[in-house]
């Protein structure tokens, strides 16, 4: 279970790093306003979170790990 959790966390941070649609700046294209700390597991800033895409990302990651 711990491996699945790590894979899901990694997938979320990778999605942010790719500047995709799962997590994006809430205003304009201000990616510098989002601070991500992988070691702490935190993403902070004025963000727009697409919950449906986030859930899809996590489900796809779990399916890959199983």
C-alpha atoms as a PDB file:
ATOM      1  CA  UNK A   1       0.000   0.000   0.000  1.00  0.00           C
ATOM      2  CA  UNK A   2       2.868   2.363   0.765  1.00  0.00           C
ATOM      3  CA  UNK A   3       4.215   1.942  -2.788  1.00  0.00           C
ATOM      4  CA  UNK A   4       0.829   2.885  -4.245  1.00  0.00           C
ATOM      5  CA  UNK A   5       0.672   5.963  -2.016  1.00  0.00           C
ATOM      6  CA  UNK A   6       4.161   7.055  -3.093  1.00  0.00           C
ATOM      7  CA  UNK A   7       3.284   6.493  -6.757  1.00  0.00           C
ATOM      8  CA  UNK A   8       0.126   8.605  -6.422  1.00  0.00           C
ATOM      9  CA  UNK A   9       1.976  11.446  -4.710  1.00  0.00           C
ATOM     10  CA  UNK A  10       4.669  11.290  -7.388  1.00  0.00           C
ATOM     11  CA  UNK A  11       2.003  11.390 -10.115  1.00  0.00           C
ATOM     12  CA  UNK A  12       0.395  14.514  -8.640  1.00  0.00           C
ATOM     13  CA  UNK A  13       3.719  16.352  -8.404  1.00  0.00           C
ATOM     14  CA  UNK A  14       4.666  15.210 -11.915  1.00  0.00           C
ATOM     15  CA  UNK A  15       1.348  16.527 -13.225  1.00  0.00           C
ATOM     16  CA  UNK A  16       2.120  19.901 -11.657  1.00  0.00           C
ATOM     17  CA  UNK A  17       5.657  19.909 -13.073  1.00  0.00           C
ATOM     18  CA  UNK A  18       4.275  19.206 -16.552  1.00  0.00           C
ATOM     19  CA  UNK A  19       2.059  22.315 -16.278  1.00  0.00           C
ATOM     20  CA  UNK A  20      -0.983  20.252 -17.146  1.00  0.00           C
ATOM     21  CA  UNK A  21      -4.638  20.779 -16.303  1.00  0.00           C
ATOM     22  CA  UNK A  22      -4.860  18.877 -13.015  1.00  0.00           C
ATOM     23  CA  UNK A  23      -3.250  21.658 -10.966  1.00  0.00           C
ATOM     24  CA  UNK A  24      -2.736  25.042 -12.545  1.00  0.00           C
ATOM     25  CA  UNK A  25      -2.560  28.693 -11.519  1.00  0.00           C
ATOM     26  CA  UNK A  26      -5.965  30.105 -10.661  1.00  0.00           C
ATOM     27  CA  UNK A  27      -5.151  33.341 -12.455  1.00  0.00           C
ATOM     28  CA  UNK A  28      -3.501  33.580 -15.820  1.00  0.00           C
ATOM     29  CA  UNK A  29      -0.286  31.684 -16.400  1.00  0.00           C
ATOM     30  CA  UNK A  30       1.478  32.498 -13.116  1.00  0.00           C
ATOM     31  CA  UNK A  31       3.251  29.166 -12.519  1.00  0.00           C
ATOM     32  CA  UNK A  32       5.863  30.922 -10.368  1.00  0.00           C
ATOM     33  CA  UNK A  33       3.114  31.636  -7.826  1.00  0.00           C
ATOM     34  CA  UNK A  34       2.782  27.931  -7.045  1.00  0.00           C
ATOM     35  CA  UNK A  35       5.264  26.465  -4.576  1.00  0.00           C
ATOM     36  CA  UNK A  36       5.659  22.684  -4.567  1.00  0.00           C
ATOM     37  CA  UNK A  37       7.652  20.789  -1.969  1.00  0.00           C
ATOM     38  CA  UNK A  38       7.912  17.094  -2.797  1.00  0.00           C
ATOM     39  CA  UNK A  39       9.746  16.198   0.442  1.00  0.00           C
ATOM     40  CA  UNK A  40       7.001  17.802   2.519  1.00  0.00           C
ATOM     41  CA  UNK A  41       4.183  16.696   0.223  1.00  0.00           C
ATOM     42  CA  UNK A  42       2.742  20.196  -0.070  1.00  0.00           C
ATOM     43  CA  UNK A  43       1.615  22.326  -2.977  1.00  0.00           C
ATOM     44  CA  UNK A  44       0.711  25.885  -2.003  1.00  0.00           C
ATOM     45  CA  UNK A  45      -0.373  28.957  -3.861  1.00  0.00           C
ATOM     46  CA  UNK A  46      -3.380  30.354  -5.639  1.00  0.00           C
ATOM     47  CA  UNK A  47      -4.299  27.247  -7.645  1.00  0.00           C
ATOM     48  CA  UNK A  48      -7.152  25.852  -9.690  1.00  0.00           C
ATOM     49  CA  UNK A  49      -7.578  22.167  -8.913  1.00  0.00           C
ATOM     50  CA  UNK A  50      -9.474  20.030 -11.413  1.00  0.00           C
ATOM     51  CA  UNK A  51     -10.837  17.400  -9.044  1.00  0.00           C
ATOM     52  CA  UNK A  52     -12.149  15.112 -11.784  1.00  0.00           C
ATOM     53  CA  UNK A  53      -8.774  15.041 -13.536  1.00  0.00           C
ATOM     54  CA  UNK A  54      -7.013  14.551 -10.189  1.00  0.00           C
ATOM     55  CA  UNK A  55      -9.192  11.547  -9.358  1.00  0.00           C
ATOM     56  CA  UNK A  56      -8.582  10.108 -12.840  1.00  0.00           C
ATOM     57  CA  UNK A  57      -4.836  10.572 -12.372  1.00  0.00           C
ATOM     58  CA  UNK A  58      -4.894   8.767  -9.031  1.00  0.00           C
ATOM     59  CA  UNK A  59      -7.081   5.913 -10.302  1.00  0.00           C
ATOM     60  CA  UNK A  60      -4.842   5.445 -13.351  1.00  0.00           C
ATOM     61  CA  UNK A  61      -1.768   5.419 -11.107  1.00  0.00           C
ATOM     62  CA  UNK A  62      -3.291   2.824  -8.783  1.00  0.00           C
ATOM     63  CA  UNK A  63      -4.245   0.631 -11.743  1.00  0.00           C
ATOM     64  CA  UNK A  64      -0.670   0.791 -13.055  1.00  0.00           C
ATOM     65  CA  UNK A  65       0.718  -0.203  -9.663  1.00  0.00           C
ATOM     66  CA  UNK A  66      -1.597  -3.200  -9.234  1.00  0.00           C
END
